[in-house]
Amino acid sequence: MIAPGKVLTVFSIRPGRQGSVWVRAGKATVHPDGSLSLELDVLPLDGKLHVRETAERRTTSAENERTH
């Protein structure tokens, strides 16, 4: 069970020319009873959503050089 208060990322996964394209569709918040609240920014064309634990954004070395 995922901890209450945890924020998850919601994606719509579409087929693309070079593999799957993951489109961030919104977020989900976990409640104490284990249920989820979804806040969607977009609606999937095929009606399917994929929910994952939110990962920290990875920066490239070029991005690090610009910020330092």
C-alpha atoms as a PDB file:
ATOM      1  CA  MET A   1       0.000   0.000   0.000  1.00  0.00           C
ATOM      2  CA  ILE A   2       1.234   3.465  -0.865  1.00  0.00           C
ATOM      3  CA  ALA A   3       1.532   5.891   2.064  1.00  0.00           C
ATOM      4  CA  PRO A   4      -1.311   8.384   2.570  1.00  0.00           C
ATOM      5  CA  GLY A   5      -0.453  11.879   1.361  1.00  0.00           C
ATOM      6  CA  LYS A   6       1.839  10.530  -1.348  1.00  0.00           C
ATOM      7  CA  VAL A   7       1.517  12.289  -4.702  1.00  0.00           C
ATOM      8  CA  LEU A   8       1.656  10.112  -7.818  1.00  0.00           C
ATOM      9  CA  THR A   9       2.006  11.121 -11.462  1.00  0.00           C
ATOM     10  CA  VAL A  10      -0.683  10.196 -13.982  1.00  0.00           C
ATOM     11  CA  PHE A  11       0.332   9.508 -17.592  1.00  0.00           C
ATOM     12  CA  SER A  12      -1.356   8.762 -20.885  1.00  0.00           C
ATOM     13  CA  ILE A  13       0.885   6.446 -22.924  1.00  0.00           C
ATOM     14  CA  ARG A  14       0.518   6.720 -26.680  1.00  0.00           C
ATOM     15  CA  PRO A  15       2.228   4.741 -29.434  1.00  0.00           C
ATOM     16  CA  GLY A  16       4.784   6.778 -31.357  1.00  0.00           C
ATOM     17  CA  ARG A  17       7.025   6.243 -34.365  1.00  0.00           C
ATOM     18  CA  GLN A  18      10.042   5.427 -32.207  1.00  0.00           C
ATOM     19  CA  GLY A  19       8.277   3.769 -29.263  1.00  0.00           C
ATOM     20  CA  SER A  20       5.844   4.858 -26.593  1.00  0.00           C
ATOM     21  CA  VAL A  21       5.227   8.529 -25.847  1.00  0.00           C
ATOM     22  CA  TRP A  22       4.456   9.279 -22.193  1.00  0.00           C
ATOM     23  CA  VAL A  23       2.272  12.372 -21.772  1.00  0.00           C
ATOM     24  CA  ARG A  24       1.906  13.745 -18.238  1.00  0.00           C
ATOM     25  CA  ALA A  25      -1.843  13.862 -17.713  1.00  0.00           C
ATOM     26  CA  GLY A  26      -2.014  15.074 -14.079  1.00  0.00           C
ATOM     27  CA  LYS A  27      -1.500  13.875 -10.528  1.00  0.00           C
ATOM     28  CA  ALA A  28      -3.081  11.519  -8.012  1.00  0.00           C
ATOM     29  CA  THR A  29      -3.112  11.941  -4.235  1.00  0.00           C
ATOM     30  CA  VAL A  30      -3.377   8.933  -1.908  1.00  0.00           C
ATOM     31  CA  HIS A  31      -5.929   9.169   0.949  1.00  0.00           C
ATOM     32  CA  PRO A  32      -5.689   7.438   4.374  1.00  0.00           C
ATOM     33  CA  ASP A  33      -8.164   4.748   3.259  1.00  0.00           C
ATOM     34  CA  GLY A  34      -5.995   3.920   0.211  1.00  0.00           C
ATOM     35  CA  SER A  35      -8.278   5.609  -2.310  1.00  0.00           C
ATOM     36  CA  LEU A  36      -6.977   8.103  -4.883  1.00  0.00           C
ATOM     37  CA  SER A  37      -8.053  11.571  -5.990  1.00  0.00           C
ATOM     38  CA  LEU A  38      -7.100  12.405  -9.567  1.00  0.00           C
ATOM     39  CA  GLU A  39      -6.467  15.909 -10.880  1.00  0.00           C
ATOM     40  CA  LEU A  40      -6.221  15.664 -14.657  1.00  0.00           C
ATOM     41  CA  ASP A  41      -4.790  18.337 -16.952  1.00  0.00           C
ATOM     42  CA  VAL A  42      -5.671  16.356 -20.104  1.00  0.00           C
ATOM     43  CA  LEU A  43      -7.972  13.487 -21.022  1.00  0.00           C
ATOM     44  CA  PRO A  44      -6.590  10.394 -22.753  1.00  0.00           C
ATOM     45  CA  LEU A  45      -7.843   9.662 -26.270  1.00  0.00           C
ATOM     46  CA  ASP A  46      -8.120   5.934 -25.557  1.00  0.00           C
ATOM     47  CA  GLY A  47      -9.547   6.265 -22.023  1.00  0.00           C
ATOM     48  CA  LYS A  48      -6.481   4.626 -20.432  1.00  0.00           C
ATOM     49  CA  LEU A  49      -4.334   6.183 -17.710  1.00  0.00           C
ATOM     50  CA  HIS A  50      -1.140   4.958 -16.057  1.00  0.00           C
ATOM     51  CA  VAL A  51      -0.317   5.972 -12.458  1.00  0.00           C
ATOM     52  CA  ARG A  52       3.265   5.906 -11.141  1.00  0.00           C
ATOM     53  CA  GLU A  53       5.121   7.117  -8.096  1.00  0.00           C
ATOM     54  CA  THR A  54       6.539  10.545  -8.814  1.00  0.00           C
ATOM     55  CA  ALA A  55      10.248  10.472  -9.568  1.00  0.00           C
ATOM     56  CA  GLU A  56      12.563  13.426  -9.153  1.00  0.00           C
ATOM     57  CA  ARG A  57      13.423  15.084 -12.437  1.00  0.00           C
ATOM     58  CA  ARG A  58      16.861  14.126 -13.671  1.00  0.00           C
ATOM     59  CA  THR A  59      18.985  16.949 -15.030  1.00  0.00           C
ATOM     60  CA  THR A  60      21.556  16.648 -17.764  1.00  0.00           C
ATOM     61  CA  SER A  61      25.101  17.894 -17.311  1.00  0.00           C
ATOM     62  CA  ALA A  62      24.316  20.785 -19.686  1.00  0.00           C
ATOM     63  CA  GLU A  63      21.434  21.877 -17.440  1.00  0.00           C
ATOM     64  CA  ASN A  64      23.699  21.642 -14.377  1.00  0.00           C
ATOM     65  CA  GLU A  65      26.301  23.865 -16.047  1.00  0.00           C
ATOM     66  CA  ARG A  66      23.692  26.552 -16.794  1.00  0.00           C
ATOM     67  CA  THR A  67      22.490  26.650 -13.183  1.00  0.00           C
ATOM     68  CA  HIS A  68      25.940  26.720 -11.551  1.00  0.00           C
END
